[in-house]
Amino acid sequence: MRKAALIALFVLGFGCAGGLSAAVVASTVATTTTTTATTATATTATTTTATTTTATQPPALIARGVTIGGVPVGGLDPDSAYYAVKAQFDKPLVLLVGRRRLRVTPARVGASPYIRTAVARARIAPPRKKVALVVAVQGAQVRSYMAALAKRFDRASADSRLFLRGLRPYITPEQIGRSVDRTGGTTTIVRALKANKRGPLSLRLRTIAPSLTRSSFGPVIVIRRGSNRLYLYNGMRFRRVFGVATGQASYPTPLGRFSIAVMWRHPWWYPPASDWAKDEKPVPPGPGNPLGTRWMGLTAPLVGIHGTPDAASIGYSASHGCIRMRIPEAEWLFSQVRVGAPVFIVPA
């Protein structure tokens, strides 16, 4: 009996141990299963987040063949298109002023492009569409720039000047002037900016002609009082010399530079307000007229070049201040000169 009881207790203890082992194994399996489930859940969540980031869409590209202000932007994204157009617009304009080549940036002349607006239109434009680039230009800044160019390039004309050099006429060369066409230049620059063109752009220089040139001077008279000679020049070119009579010592012919003020055919002679003529009467035109047949009055008061019936006085200081000539020679000279012709009287 006692032995049988011991055997029964042993069997019961082994069964309990087996149940405990089974519980431990079951717990381990359950724990493993839970951990696996948790890991799977975390992995799934991480994969889902990565998939969301990758799904962000890239910016749309502009259709092929599209241009903005002449700049190709087809196939570019908006930012790339913006910088491509800006790089082209910021290039300087090339200006030609005479023989000079200048460069000026659009910003210097007040130009502002609306590039963002043009890019927005290009994004929805069909292929090969030409999108205009709108440009705002400050007219006052363009005019200010043209004024600066004028100050730099304008040149006043200079007339030829006449003076004596070694008793002969010398005429300085004339100088042709020029001026920048400001109005035309402003229009040219504005049009180029609005069309996104950079030239070269030719700015017109207007020619300013002088009033007097070497070729326009015409006759010049030089009277040498000491030697009683009258020299006629055409500008600087010598033409002819004449013997004349000049003023007496008490009534000298004045020295200096004068010009012909009046020219009369068949003049009357009127007595001047001078002691030597106080009892004289006016003399009408005719053979006995003291002035002959021609009178070329000078800007020197009461002095002129004229013919004389007293040909024997030629070559002497015999007049009362005037310059006497033989009548035929005075008539010829009269036909060669004009009012305003310069007359030099020198002591030689």
C-alpha atoms as a PDB file:
ATOM      1  CA  MET A   1       0.000   0.000   0.000  1.00  0.00           C
ATOM      2  CA  ARG A   2       2.624   2.458   0.989  1.00  0.00           C
ATOM      3  CA  LYS A   3       4.643   1.721  -2.121  1.00  0.00           C
ATOM      4  CA  ALA A   4       1.617   2.213  -4.319  1.00  0.00           C
ATOM      5  CA  ALA A   5       0.975   5.612  -2.761  1.00  0.00           C
ATOM      6  CA  LEU A   6       4.505   6.755  -3.492  1.00  0.00           C
ATOM      7  CA  ILE A   7       4.208   5.776  -7.092  1.00  0.00           C
ATOM      8  CA  ALA A   8       0.960   7.756  -7.423  1.00  0.00           C
ATOM      9  CA  LEU A   9       2.552  10.883  -5.961  1.00  0.00           C
ATOM     10  CA  PHE A  10       5.493  10.634  -8.402  1.00  0.00           C
ATOM     11  CA  VAL A  11       3.189  10.468 -11.414  1.00  0.00           C
ATOM     12  CA  LEU A  12       1.186  13.416 -10.180  1.00  0.00           C
ATOM     13  CA  GLY A  13       4.387  15.522  -9.704  1.00  0.00           C
ATOM     14  CA  PHE A  14       5.592  14.724 -13.208  1.00  0.00           C
ATOM     15  CA  GLY A  15       2.267  15.773 -14.656  1.00  0.00           C
ATOM     16  CA  CYS A  16       2.409  19.112 -12.877  1.00  0.00           C
ATOM     17  CA  ALA A  17       5.944  19.688 -14.141  1.00  0.00           C
ATOM     18  CA  GLY A  18       4.854  18.929 -17.688  1.00  0.00           C
ATOM     19  CA  GLY A  19       1.953  21.387 -17.358  1.00  0.00           C
ATOM     20  CA  LEU A  20       4.305  24.081 -16.069  1.00  0.00           C
ATOM     21  CA  SER A  21       6.688  23.441 -18.977  1.00  0.00           C
ATOM     22  CA  ALA A  22       3.806  23.657 -21.394  1.00  0.00           C
ATOM     23  CA  ALA A  23       2.724  26.979 -19.855  1.00  0.00           C
ATOM     24  CA  VAL A  24       6.263  28.367 -20.145  1.00  0.00           C
ATOM     25  CA  VAL A  25       6.510  27.253 -23.804  1.00  0.00           C
ATOM     26  CA  ALA A  26       3.080  28.707 -24.536  1.00  0.00           C
ATOM     27  CA  SER A  27       4.083  32.012 -22.916  1.00  0.00           C
ATOM     28  CA  THR A  28       7.281  32.134 -24.939  1.00  0.00           C
ATOM     29  CA  VAL A  29       5.390  31.498 -28.167  1.00  0.00           C
ATOM     30  CA  ALA A  30       2.832  34.148 -27.307  1.00  0.00           C
ATOM     31  CA  THR A  31       5.579  36.671 -26.511  1.00  0.00           C
ATOM     32  CA  THR A  32       7.339  35.902 -29.767  1.00  0.00           C
ATOM     33  CA  THR A  33       4.125  36.277 -31.702  1.00  0.00           C
ATOM     34  CA  THR A  34       3.360  39.638 -30.061  1.00  0.00           C
ATOM     35  CA  THR A  35       6.872  40.930 -30.779  1.00  0.00           C
ATOM     36  CA  THR A  36       6.617  39.821 -34.380  1.00  0.00           C
ATOM     37  CA  ALA A  37       3.287  41.558 -34.755  1.00  0.00           C
ATOM     38  CA  THR A  38       4.659  44.770 -33.241  1.00  0.00           C
ATOM     39  CA  THR A  39       7.705  44.689 -35.513  1.00  0.00           C
ATOM     40  CA  ALA A  40       5.527  44.132 -38.560  1.00  0.00           C
ATOM     41  CA  THR A  41       3.319  47.035 -37.582  1.00  0.00           C
ATOM     42  CA  ALA A  42       6.314  49.425 -37.150  1.00  0.00           C
ATOM     43  CA  THR A  43       7.797  48.285 -40.445  1.00  0.00           C
ATOM     44  CA  THR A  44       4.515  48.907 -42.238  1.00  0.00           C
ATOM     45  CA  ALA A  45       4.220  52.432 -40.768  1.00  0.00           C
ATOM     46  CA  THR A  46       7.774  53.322 -41.810  1.00  0.00           C
ATOM     47  CA  THR A  47       7.194  52.051 -45.333  1.00  0.00           C
ATOM     48  CA  THR A  48       3.995  54.098 -45.636  1.00  0.00           C
ATOM     49  CA  THR A  49       5.786  57.367 -44.616  1.00  0.00           C
ATOM     50  CA  ALA A  50       8.573  56.811 -47.153  1.00  0.00           C
ATOM     51  CA  THR A  51       6.003  56.210 -49.879  1.00  0.00           C
ATOM     52  CA  THR A  52       4.274  59.563 -49.081  1.00  0.00           C
ATOM     53  CA  THR A  53       7.576  61.599 -49.446  1.00  0.00           C
ATOM     54  CA  THR A  54       8.448  60.012 -52.771  1.00  0.00           C
ATOM     55  CA  ALA A  55       5.010  60.870 -54.184  1.00  0.00           C
ATOM     56  CA  THR A  56       5.705  64.767 -54.270  1.00  0.00           C
ATOM     57  CA  GLN A  57       5.224  65.937 -57.913  1.00  0.00           C
ATOM     58  CA  PRO A  58       8.054  67.861 -59.719  1.00  0.00           C
ATOM     59  CA  PRO A  59       7.223  71.342 -61.192  1.00  0.00           C
ATOM     60  CA  ALA A  60       5.635  71.255 -64.655  1.00  0.00           C
ATOM     61  CA  LEU A  61       7.918  72.004 -67.593  1.00  0.00           C
ATOM     62  CA  ILE A  62       7.174  74.630 -70.223  1.00  0.00           C
ATOM     63  CA  ALA A  63       6.051  73.252 -73.583  1.00  0.00           C
ATOM     64  CA  ARG A  64       8.653  72.712 -76.276  1.00  0.00           C
ATOM     65  CA  GLY A  65       9.439  75.573 -78.654  1.00  0.00           C
ATOM     66  CA  VAL A  66       8.029  78.313 -76.368  1.00  0.00           C
ATOM     67  CA  THR A  67       9.983  81.562 -76.225  1.00  0.00           C
ATOM     68  CA  ILE A  68       9.785  84.619 -73.961  1.00  0.00           C
ATOM     69  CA  GLY A  69      10.924  87.819 -75.598  1.00  0.00           C
ATOM     70  CA  GLY A  70      12.862  85.754 -78.118  1.00  0.00           C
ATOM     71  CA  VAL A  71      14.580  83.632 -75.442  1.00  0.00           C
ATOM     72  CA  PRO A  72      13.960  79.834 -75.805  1.00  0.00           C
ATOM     73  CA  VAL A  73      12.423  78.443 -72.618  1.00  0.00           C
ATOM     74  CA  GLY A  74      10.795  75.237 -73.906  1.00  0.00           C
ATOM     75  CA  GLY A  75      11.496  72.227 -71.711  1.00  0.00           C
ATOM     76  CA  LEU A  76      12.551  74.395 -68.732  1.00  0.00           C
ATOM     77  CA  ASP A  77      10.939  74.598 -65.331  1.00  0.00           C
ATOM     78  CA  PRO A  78       9.660  78.065 -64.288  1.00  0.00           C
ATOM     79  CA  ASP A  79      12.696  79.006 -62.190  1.00  0.00           C
ATOM     80  CA  SER A  80      15.134  78.025 -64.939  1.00  0.00           C
ATOM     81  CA  ALA A  81      13.053  79.951 -67.475  1.00  0.00           C
ATOM     82  CA  TYR A  82      13.094  83.034 -65.239  1.00  0.00           C
ATOM     83  CA  TYR A  83      16.881  83.066 -64.923  1.00  0.00           C
ATOM     84  CA  ALA A  84      17.380  82.383 -68.640  1.00  0.00           C
ATOM     85  CA  VAL A  85      15.223  85.400 -69.573  1.00  0.00           C
ATOM     86  CA  LYS A  86      16.807  87.588 -66.897  1.00  0.00           C
ATOM     87  CA  ALA A  87      20.337  86.724 -68.064  1.00  0.00           C
ATOM     88  CA  GLN A  88      19.435  87.766 -71.611  1.00  0.00           C
ATOM     89  CA  PHE A  89      17.656  90.951 -70.527  1.00  0.00           C
ATOM     90  CA  ASP A  90      20.549  92.087 -68.306  1.00  0.00           C
ATOM     91  CA  LYS A  91      22.969  92.078 -71.236  1.00  0.00           C
ATOM     92  CA  PRO A  92      24.087  95.627 -72.171  1.00  0.00           C
ATOM     93  CA  LEU A  93      22.870  97.461 -75.244  1.00  0.00           C
ATOM     94  CA  VAL A  94      25.596  98.124 -77.814  1.00  0.00           C
ATOM     95  CA  LEU A  95      25.445 101.677 -79.179  1.00  0.00           C
ATOM     96  CA  LEU A  96      27.329 103.141 -82.127  1.00  0.00           C
ATOM     97  CA  VAL A  97      27.982 106.894 -81.951  1.00  0.00           C
ATOM     98  CA  GLY A  98      30.104 107.920 -84.903  1.00  0.00           C
ATOM     99  CA  ARG A  99      33.145 105.661 -84.686  1.00  0.00           C
ATOM    100  CA  ARG A 100      32.708 104.949 -80.980  1.00  0.00           C
ATOM    101  CA  ARG A 101      31.181 101.737 -79.647  1.00  0.00           C
ATOM    102  CA  LEU A 102      29.473 102.061 -76.266  1.00  0.00           C
ATOM    103  CA  ARG A 103      27.705  99.688 -73.873  1.00  0.00           C
ATOM    104  CA  VAL A 104      24.907 100.592 -71.487  1.00  0.00           C
ATOM    105  CA  THR A 105      22.961  98.292 -69.162  1.00  0.00           C
ATOM    106  CA  PRO A 106      19.146  98.305 -69.250  1.00  0.00           C
ATOM    107  CA  ALA A 107      19.110  99.360 -65.590  1.00  0.00           C
ATOM    108  CA  ARG A 108      21.146 102.492 -66.463  1.00  0.00           C
ATOM    109  CA  VAL A 109      18.353 103.681 -68.746  1.00  0.00           C
ATOM    110  CA  GLY A 110      15.537 102.715 -66.361  1.00  0.00           C
ATOM    111  CA  ALA A 111      14.246  99.463 -67.923  1.00  0.00           C
ATOM    112  CA  SER A 112      12.324  96.935 -65.766  1.00  0.00           C
ATOM    113  CA  PRO A 113      11.084  93.622 -67.269  1.00  0.00           C
ATOM    114  CA  TYR A 114       8.003  91.723 -65.996  1.00  0.00           C
ATOM    115  CA  ILE A 115       9.645  88.295 -66.213  1.00  0.00           C
ATOM    116  CA  ARG A 116       7.513  86.465 -63.624  1.00  0.00           C
ATOM    117  CA  THR A 117       4.344  87.433 -65.470  1.00  0.00           C
ATOM    118  CA  ALA A 118       5.800  86.225 -68.762  1.00  0.00           C
ATOM    119  CA  VAL A 119       6.893  82.901 -67.226  1.00  0.00           C
ATOM    120  CA  ALA A 120       3.397  82.348 -65.814  1.00  0.00           C
ATOM    121  CA  ARG A 121       1.962  82.810 -69.297  1.00  0.00           C
ATOM    122  CA  ALA A 122       4.597  80.538 -70.790  1.00  0.00           C
ATOM    123  CA  ARG A 123       3.646  77.703 -68.392  1.00  0.00           C
ATOM    124  CA  ILE A 124       0.175  77.452 -69.930  1.00  0.00           C
ATOM    125  CA  ALA A 125       1.224  78.310 -73.495  1.00  0.00           C
ATOM    126  CA  PRO A 126       0.957  75.714 -76.287  1.00  0.00           C
ATOM    127  CA  PRO A 127       4.110  74.459 -78.018  1.00  0.00           C
ATOM    128  CA  ARG A 128       6.087  76.985 -80.128  1.00  0.00           C
ATOM    129  CA  LYS A 129       4.193  79.947 -78.656  1.00  0.00           C
ATOM    130  CA  LYS A 130       6.014  83.309 -78.699  1.00  0.00           C
ATOM    131  CA  VAL A 131       5.317  84.965 -75.367  1.00  0.00           C
ATOM    132  CA  ALA A 132       5.976  88.704 -75.245  1.00  0.00           C
ATOM    133  CA  LEU A 133       8.146  90.166 -72.494  1.00  0.00           C
ATOM    134  CA  VAL A 134       6.565  93.352 -71.176  1.00  0.00           C
ATOM    135  CA  VAL A 135       9.193  95.979 -70.311  1.00  0.00           C
ATOM    136  CA  ALA A 136       8.619  99.252 -68.464  1.00  0.00           C
ATOM    137  CA  VAL A 137      11.042 102.016 -69.440  1.00  0.00           C
ATOM    138  CA  GLN A 138      11.520 105.292 -67.577  1.00  0.00           C
ATOM    139  CA  GLY A 139      11.586 107.899 -70.338  1.00  0.00           C
ATOM    140  CA  ALA A 140      13.211 110.473 -68.066  1.00  0.00           C
ATOM    141  CA  GLN A 141      16.201 108.185 -67.484  1.00  0.00           C
ATOM    142  CA  VAL A 142      16.643 107.514 -71.200  1.00  0.00           C
ATOM    143  CA  ARG A 143      16.535 111.259 -71.916  1.00  0.00           C
ATOM    144  CA  SER A 144      19.028 111.865 -69.119  1.00  0.00           C
ATOM    145  CA  TYR A 145      21.378 109.304 -70.651  1.00  0.00           C
ATOM    146  CA  MET A 146      21.009 110.901 -74.096  1.00  0.00           C
ATOM    147  CA  ALA A 147      21.820 114.299 -72.578  1.00  0.00           C
ATOM    148  CA  ALA A 148      25.014 112.820 -71.141  1.00  0.00           C
ATOM    149  CA  LEU A 149      25.924 111.437 -74.568  1.00  0.00           C
ATOM    150  CA  ALA A 150      25.268 114.836 -76.160  1.00  0.00           C
ATOM    151  CA  LYS A 151      27.549 116.514 -73.646  1.00  0.00           C
ATOM    152  CA  ARG A 152      30.251 114.032 -74.547  1.00  0.00           C
ATOM    153  CA  PHE A 153      29.911 113.992 -78.344  1.00  0.00           C
ATOM    154  CA  ASP A 154      28.365 117.324 -79.404  1.00  0.00           C
ATOM    155  CA  ARG A 155      30.763 119.772 -81.014  1.00  0.00           C
ATOM    156  CA  ALA A 156      29.985 123.327 -82.067  1.00  0.00           C
ATOM    157  CA  SER A 157      30.771 124.443 -85.585  1.00  0.00           C
ATOM    158  CA  ALA A 158      33.435 127.107 -86.107  1.00  0.00           C
ATOM    159  CA  ASP A 159      33.425 129.690 -88.884  1.00  0.00           C
ATOM    160  CA  SER A 160      36.547 130.478 -90.847  1.00  0.00           C
ATOM    161  CA  ARG A 161      38.230 133.691 -89.703  1.00  0.00           C
ATOM    162  CA  LEU A 162      40.090 136.224 -91.824  1.00  0.00           C
ATOM    163  CA  PHE A 163      43.179 138.183 -90.861  1.00  0.00           C
ATOM    164  CA  LEU A 164      46.373 139.386 -92.496  1.00  0.00           C
ATOM    165  CA  ARG A 165      49.524 137.349 -92.433  1.00  0.00           C
ATOM    166  CA  GLY A 166      52.498 139.053 -94.037  1.00  0.00           C
ATOM    167  CA  LEU A 167      50.209 141.663 -95.676  1.00  0.00           C
ATOM    168  CA  ARG A 168      48.223 138.897 -97.370  1.00  0.00           C
ATOM    169  CA  PRO A 169      44.814 137.550 -96.368  1.00  0.00           C
ATOM    170  CA  TYR A 170      44.832 134.340 -94.384  1.00  0.00           C
ATOM    171  CA  ILE A 171      41.607 132.427 -93.709  1.00  0.00           C
ATOM    172  CA  THR A 172      41.492 129.764 -91.021  1.00  0.00           C
ATOM    173  CA  PRO A 173      39.903 126.401 -91.895  1.00  0.00           C
ATOM    174  CA  GLU A 174      36.262 126.063 -90.930  1.00  0.00           C
ATOM    175  CA  GLN A 175      35.158 123.385 -88.474  1.00  0.00           C
ATOM    176  CA  ILE A 176      32.033 121.337 -89.091  1.00  0.00           C
ATOM    177  CA  GLY A 177      29.983 120.796 -85.935  1.00  0.00           C
ATOM    178  CA  ARG A 178      27.877 117.831 -84.872  1.00  0.00           C
ATOM    179  CA  SER A 179      25.119 117.036 -82.415  1.00  0.00           C
ATOM    180  CA  VAL A 180      23.622 113.782 -81.166  1.00  0.00           C
ATOM    181  CA  ASP A 181      20.013 113.272 -82.283  1.00  0.00           C
ATOM    182  CA  ARG A 182      18.537 113.009 -78.784  1.00  0.00           C
ATOM    183  CA  THR A 183      14.923 112.423 -79.815  1.00  0.00           C
ATOM    184  CA  GLY A 184      15.801 109.754 -82.366  1.00  0.00           C
ATOM    185  CA  GLY A 185      18.249 108.109 -79.978  1.00  0.00           C
ATOM    186  CA  THR A 186      15.665 107.932 -77.194  1.00  0.00           C
ATOM    187  CA  THR A 187      13.169 106.248 -79.538  1.00  0.00           C
ATOM    188  CA  THR A 188      15.803 103.763 -80.770  1.00  0.00           C
ATOM    189  CA  ILE A 189      16.813 102.722 -77.247  1.00  0.00           C
ATOM    190  CA  VAL A 190      13.231 102.350 -75.988  1.00  0.00           C
ATOM    191  CA  ARG A 191      12.235 100.212 -78.979  1.00  0.00           C
ATOM    192  CA  ALA A 192      15.258  97.938 -78.511  1.00  0.00           C
ATOM    193  CA  LEU A 193      14.497  97.452 -74.810  1.00  0.00           C
ATOM    194  CA  LYS A 194      10.843  96.622 -75.441  1.00  0.00           C
ATOM    195  CA  ALA A 195      11.818  94.141 -78.180  1.00  0.00           C
ATOM    196  CA  ASN A 196      14.574  92.663 -75.983  1.00  0.00           C
ATOM    197  CA  LYS A 197      17.187  93.499 -78.647  1.00  0.00           C
ATOM    198  CA  ARG A 198      20.731  94.545 -77.847  1.00  0.00           C
ATOM    199  CA  GLY A 199      22.020  95.954 -81.112  1.00  0.00           C
ATOM    200  CA  PRO A 200      24.391  97.279 -82.247  1.00  0.00           C
ATOM    201  CA  LEU A 201      22.173 100.381 -82.414  1.00  0.00           C
ATOM    202  CA  SER A 202      23.325 103.364 -84.483  1.00  0.00           C
ATOM    203  CA  LEU A 203      22.645 106.753 -82.907  1.00  0.00           C
ATOM    204  CA  ARG A 204      22.533 109.530 -85.491  1.00  0.00           C
ATOM    205  CA  LEU A 205      24.951 112.451 -85.413  1.00  0.00           C
ATOM    206  CA  ARG A 206      23.580 115.567 -87.087  1.00  0.00           C
ATOM    207  CA  THR A 207      25.992 117.787 -89.012  1.00  0.00           C
ATOM    208  CA  ILE A 208      26.159 121.488 -88.153  1.00  0.00           C
ATOM    209  CA  ALA A 209      27.558 123.494 -91.050  1.00  0.00           C
ATOM    210  CA  PRO A 210      29.529 126.688 -90.329  1.00  0.00           C
ATOM    211  CA  SER A 211      28.278 129.987 -91.734  1.00  0.00           C
ATOM    212  CA  LEU A 212      31.626 131.022 -93.199  1.00  0.00           C
ATOM    213  CA  THR A 213      34.111 128.760 -94.916  1.00  0.00           C
ATOM    214  CA  ARG A 214      37.328 129.360 -96.781  1.00  0.00           C
ATOM    215  CA  SER A 215      35.512 128.933-100.069  1.00  0.00           C
ATOM    216  CA  SER A 216      32.687 131.320 -99.169  1.00  0.00           C
ATOM    217  CA  PHE A 217      34.729 134.394 -98.255  1.00  0.00           C
ATOM    218  CA  GLY A 218      34.901 135.860-101.747  1.00  0.00           C
ATOM    219  CA  PRO A 219      36.750 139.104-102.537  1.00  0.00           C
ATOM    220  CA  VAL A 220      39.181 140.679-100.074  1.00  0.00           C
ATOM    221  CA  ILE A 221      40.844 144.077-100.622  1.00  0.00           C
ATOM    222  CA  VAL A 222      44.189 145.063 -99.129  1.00  0.00           C
ATOM    223  CA  ILE A 223      45.252 148.716 -99.566  1.00  0.00           C
ATOM    224  CA  ARG A 224      48.872 149.563 -98.885  1.00  0.00           C
ATOM    225  CA  ARG A 225      48.740 153.226 -98.054  1.00  0.00           C
ATOM    226  CA  GLY A 226      52.486 153.880 -98.052  1.00  0.00           C
ATOM    227  CA  SER A 227      53.023 152.453-101.547  1.00  0.00           C
ATOM    228  CA  ASN A 228      49.625 153.534-102.956  1.00  0.00           C
ATOM    229  CA  ARG A 229      48.646 150.064-104.115  1.00  0.00           C
ATOM    230  CA  LEU A 230      45.316 148.238-103.965  1.00  0.00           C
ATOM    231  CA  TYR A 231      45.453 144.404-104.014  1.00  0.00           C
ATOM    232  CA  LEU A 232      42.402 142.301-104.815  1.00  0.00           C
ATOM    233  CA  TYR A 233      42.194 138.704-103.584  1.00  0.00           C
ATOM    234  CA  ASN A 234      39.605 136.010-103.951  1.00  0.00           C
ATOM    235  CA  GLY A 235      39.779 134.615-100.435  1.00  0.00           C
ATOM    236  CA  MET A 236      43.501 133.937-100.112  1.00  0.00           C
ATOM    237  CA  ARG A 237      44.169 133.786-103.857  1.00  0.00           C
ATOM    238  CA  PHE A 238      45.731 136.865-105.421  1.00  0.00           C
ATOM    239  CA  ARG A 239      43.910 138.306-108.447  1.00  0.00           C
ATOM    240  CA  ARG A 240      45.054 141.812-109.375  1.00  0.00           C
ATOM    241  CA  VAL A 241      46.890 144.932-108.187  1.00  0.00           C
ATOM    242  CA  PHE A 242      46.053 148.575-108.972  1.00  0.00           C
ATOM    243  CA  GLY A 243      47.775 151.895-108.504  1.00  0.00           C
ATOM    244  CA  VAL A 244      45.697 154.276-106.346  1.00  0.00           C
ATOM    245  CA  ALA A 245      45.889 157.670-104.700  1.00  0.00           C
ATOM    246  CA  THR A 246      45.458 157.857-100.924  1.00  0.00           C
ATOM    247  CA  GLY A 247      45.025 160.700 -98.468  1.00  0.00           C
ATOM    248  CA  GLN A 248      47.296 163.632 -97.963  1.00  0.00           C
ATOM    249  CA  ALA A 249      49.292 163.969 -94.767  1.00  0.00           C
ATOM    250  CA  SER A 250      46.708 166.438 -93.434  1.00  0.00           C
ATOM    251  CA  TYR A 251      43.790 164.177 -94.463  1.00  0.00           C
ATOM    252  CA  PRO A 252      45.237 160.683 -94.133  1.00  0.00           C
ATOM    253  CA  THR A 253      43.406 157.577 -95.211  1.00  0.00           C
ATOM    254  CA  PRO A 254      42.554 155.714 -91.959  1.00  0.00           C
ATOM    255  CA  LEU A 255      44.327 152.470 -91.109  1.00  0.00           C
ATOM    256  CA  GLY A 256      42.503 149.357 -89.969  1.00  0.00           C
ATOM    257  CA  ARG A 257      40.006 146.741 -91.017  1.00  0.00           C
ATOM    258  CA  PHE A 258      36.802 147.903 -92.677  1.00  0.00           C
ATOM    259  CA  SER A 259      34.251 146.612 -95.151  1.00  0.00           C
ATOM    260  CA  ILE A 260      32.289 147.931 -98.102  1.00  0.00           C
ATOM    261  CA  ALA A 261      29.060 149.466 -96.784  1.00  0.00           C
ATOM    262  CA  VAL A 262      27.411 150.882 -99.928  1.00  0.00           C
ATOM    263  CA  MET A 263      27.907 150.643-103.695  1.00  0.00           C
ATOM    264  CA  TRP A 264      26.572 153.321-106.064  1.00  0.00           C
ATOM    265  CA  ARG A 265      26.679 153.653-109.807  1.00  0.00           C
ATOM    266  CA  HIS A 266      27.003 157.173-111.215  1.00  0.00           C
ATOM    267  CA  PRO A 267      26.970 158.788-107.770  1.00  0.00           C
ATOM    268  CA  TRP A 268      26.368 162.404-106.817  1.00  0.00           C
ATOM    269  CA  TRP A 269      29.203 164.104-105.002  1.00  0.00           C
ATOM    270  CA  TYR A 270      28.192 166.053-101.894  1.00  0.00           C
ATOM    271  CA  PRO A 271      30.653 168.306-100.122  1.00  0.00           C
ATOM    272  CA  PRO A 272      31.702 166.842 -96.773  1.00  0.00           C
ATOM    273  CA  ALA A 273      31.534 168.833 -93.543  1.00  0.00           C
ATOM    274  CA  SER A 274      35.150 169.858 -93.778  1.00  0.00           C
ATOM    275  CA  ASP A 275      36.975 173.149 -94.132  1.00  0.00           C
ATOM    276  CA  TRP A 276      38.372 172.246 -97.536  1.00  0.00           C
ATOM    277  CA  ALA A 277      34.847 171.718 -98.977  1.00  0.00           C
ATOM    278  CA  LYS A 278      32.850 174.479 -97.247  1.00  0.00           C
ATOM    279  CA  ASP A 279      32.335 176.517-100.425  1.00  0.00           C
ATOM    280  CA  GLU A 280      31.741 173.567-102.751  1.00  0.00           C
ATOM    281  CA  LYS A 281      28.421 172.647-104.355  1.00  0.00           C
ATOM    282  CA  PRO A 282      26.973 169.158-104.971  1.00  0.00           C
ATOM    283  CA  VAL A 283      28.029 167.689-108.312  1.00  0.00           C
ATOM    284  CA  PRO A 284      25.642 165.449-110.284  1.00  0.00           C
ATOM    285  CA  PRO A 285      26.800 162.358-112.176  1.00  0.00           C
ATOM    286  CA  GLY A 286      28.826 163.148-115.257  1.00  0.00           C
ATOM    287  CA  PRO A 287      32.329 163.667-116.635  1.00  0.00           C
ATOM    288  CA  GLY A 288      33.397 166.224-114.048  1.00  0.00           C
ATOM    289  CA  ASN A 289      32.161 164.319-110.986  1.00  0.00           C
ATOM    290  CA  PRO A 290      35.017 163.946-108.422  1.00  0.00           C
ATOM    291  CA  LEU A 291      33.852 160.365-107.709  1.00  0.00           C
ATOM    292  CA  GLY A 292      33.996 159.265-111.325  1.00  0.00           C
ATOM    293  CA  THR A 293      31.304 156.700-112.205  1.00  0.00           C
ATOM    294  CA  ARG A 294      31.498 154.313-109.218  1.00  0.00           C
ATOM    295  CA  TRP A 295      31.469 154.728-105.426  1.00  0.00           C
ATOM    296  CA  MET A 296      32.280 151.931-102.939  1.00  0.00           C
ATOM    297  CA  GLY A 297      31.768 153.515 -99.550  1.00  0.00           C
ATOM    298  CA  LEU A 298      33.554 151.977 -96.556  1.00  0.00           C
ATOM    299  CA  THR A 299      32.503 151.596 -92.942  1.00  0.00           C
ATOM    300  CA  ALA A 300      35.147 154.243 -92.187  1.00  0.00           C
ATOM    301  CA  PRO A 301      33.207 157.558 -92.077  1.00  0.00           C
ATOM    302  CA  LEU A 302      33.337 159.647 -95.297  1.00  0.00           C
ATOM    303  CA  VAL A 303      35.902 157.282 -96.850  1.00  0.00           C
ATOM    304  CA  GLY A 304      35.401 155.233 -99.994  1.00  0.00           C
ATOM    305  CA  ILE A 305      37.001 153.713-103.067  1.00  0.00           C
ATOM    306  CA  HIS A 306      36.020 155.579-106.238  1.00  0.00           C
ATOM    307  CA  GLY A 307      37.072 156.598-109.696  1.00  0.00           C
ATOM    308  CA  THR A 308      38.647 159.976-110.390  1.00  0.00           C
ATOM    309  CA  PRO A 309      38.845 162.216-113.461  1.00  0.00           C
ATOM    310  CA  ASP A 310      42.290 163.304-112.169  1.00  0.00           C
ATOM    311  CA  ALA A 311      44.296 160.261-113.297  1.00  0.00           C
ATOM    312  CA  ALA A 312      47.553 162.182-112.714  1.00  0.00           C
ATOM    313  CA  SER A 313      47.015 161.888-108.936  1.00  0.00           C
ATOM    314  CA  ILE A 314      47.280 158.067-109.024  1.00  0.00           C
ATOM    315  CA  GLY A 315      50.375 156.863-107.193  1.00  0.00           C
ATOM    316  CA  TYR A 316      50.463 159.822-104.800  1.00  0.00           C
ATOM    317  CA  SER A 317      49.049 160.820-101.437  1.00  0.00           C
ATOM    318  CA  ALA A 318      46.737 163.382-102.951  1.00  0.00           C
ATOM    319  CA  SER A 319      43.166 162.803-101.762  1.00  0.00           C
ATOM    320  CA  HIS A 320      41.228 163.980 -98.719  1.00  0.00           C
ATOM    321  CA  GLY A 321      41.164 160.477 -97.226  1.00  0.00           C
ATOM    322  CA  CYS A 322      39.501 158.453 -99.992  1.00  0.00           C
ATOM    323  CA  ILE A 323      41.120 155.872-102.263  1.00  0.00           C
ATOM    324  CA  ARG A 324      41.100 157.078-105.858  1.00  0.00           C
ATOM    325  CA  MET A 325      41.308 154.790-108.890  1.00  0.00           C
ATOM    326  CA  ARG A 326      41.344 155.289-112.624  1.00  0.00           C
ATOM    327  CA  ILE A 327      37.728 155.282-113.806  1.00  0.00           C
ATOM    328  CA  PRO A 328      37.899 152.082-115.958  1.00  0.00           C
ATOM    329  CA  GLU A 329      39.665 150.223-113.156  1.00  0.00           C
ATOM    330  CA  ALA A 330      37.136 151.434-110.569  1.00  0.00           C
ATOM    331  CA  GLU A 331      34.321 150.190-112.817  1.00  0.00           C
ATOM    332  CA  TRP A 332      35.986 146.756-113.132  1.00  0.00           C
ATOM    333  CA  LEU A 333      36.585 146.506-109.377  1.00  0.00           C
ATOM    334  CA  PHE A 334      32.974 147.524-108.742  1.00  0.00           C
ATOM    335  CA  SER A 335      31.831 144.480-110.754  1.00  0.00           C
ATOM    336  CA  GLN A 336      34.069 142.114-108.738  1.00  0.00           C
ATOM    337  CA  VAL A 337      33.244 143.061-105.137  1.00  0.00           C
ATOM    338  CA  ARG A 338      30.083 143.207-103.048  1.00  0.00           C
ATOM    339  CA  VAL A 339      28.663 144.887 -99.994  1.00  0.00           C
ATOM    340  CA  GLY A 340      30.301 143.394 -96.925  1.00  0.00           C
ATOM    341  CA  ALA A 341      33.620 142.617 -98.636  1.00  0.00           C
ATOM    342  CA  PRO A 342      36.474 143.119 -96.147  1.00  0.00           C
ATOM    343  CA  VAL A 343      38.949 145.949 -96.745  1.00  0.00           C
ATOM    344  CA  PHE A 344      42.307 146.125 -94.940  1.00  0.00           C
ATOM    345  CA  ILE A 345      44.225 149.412 -95.016  1.00  0.00           C
ATOM    346  CA  VAL A 346      47.810 149.014 -93.869  1.00  0.00           C
ATOM    347  CA  PRO A 347      50.724 151.484 -93.658  1.00  0.00           C
ATOM    348  CA  ALA A 348      53.125 149.498 -95.885  1.00  0.00           C
END
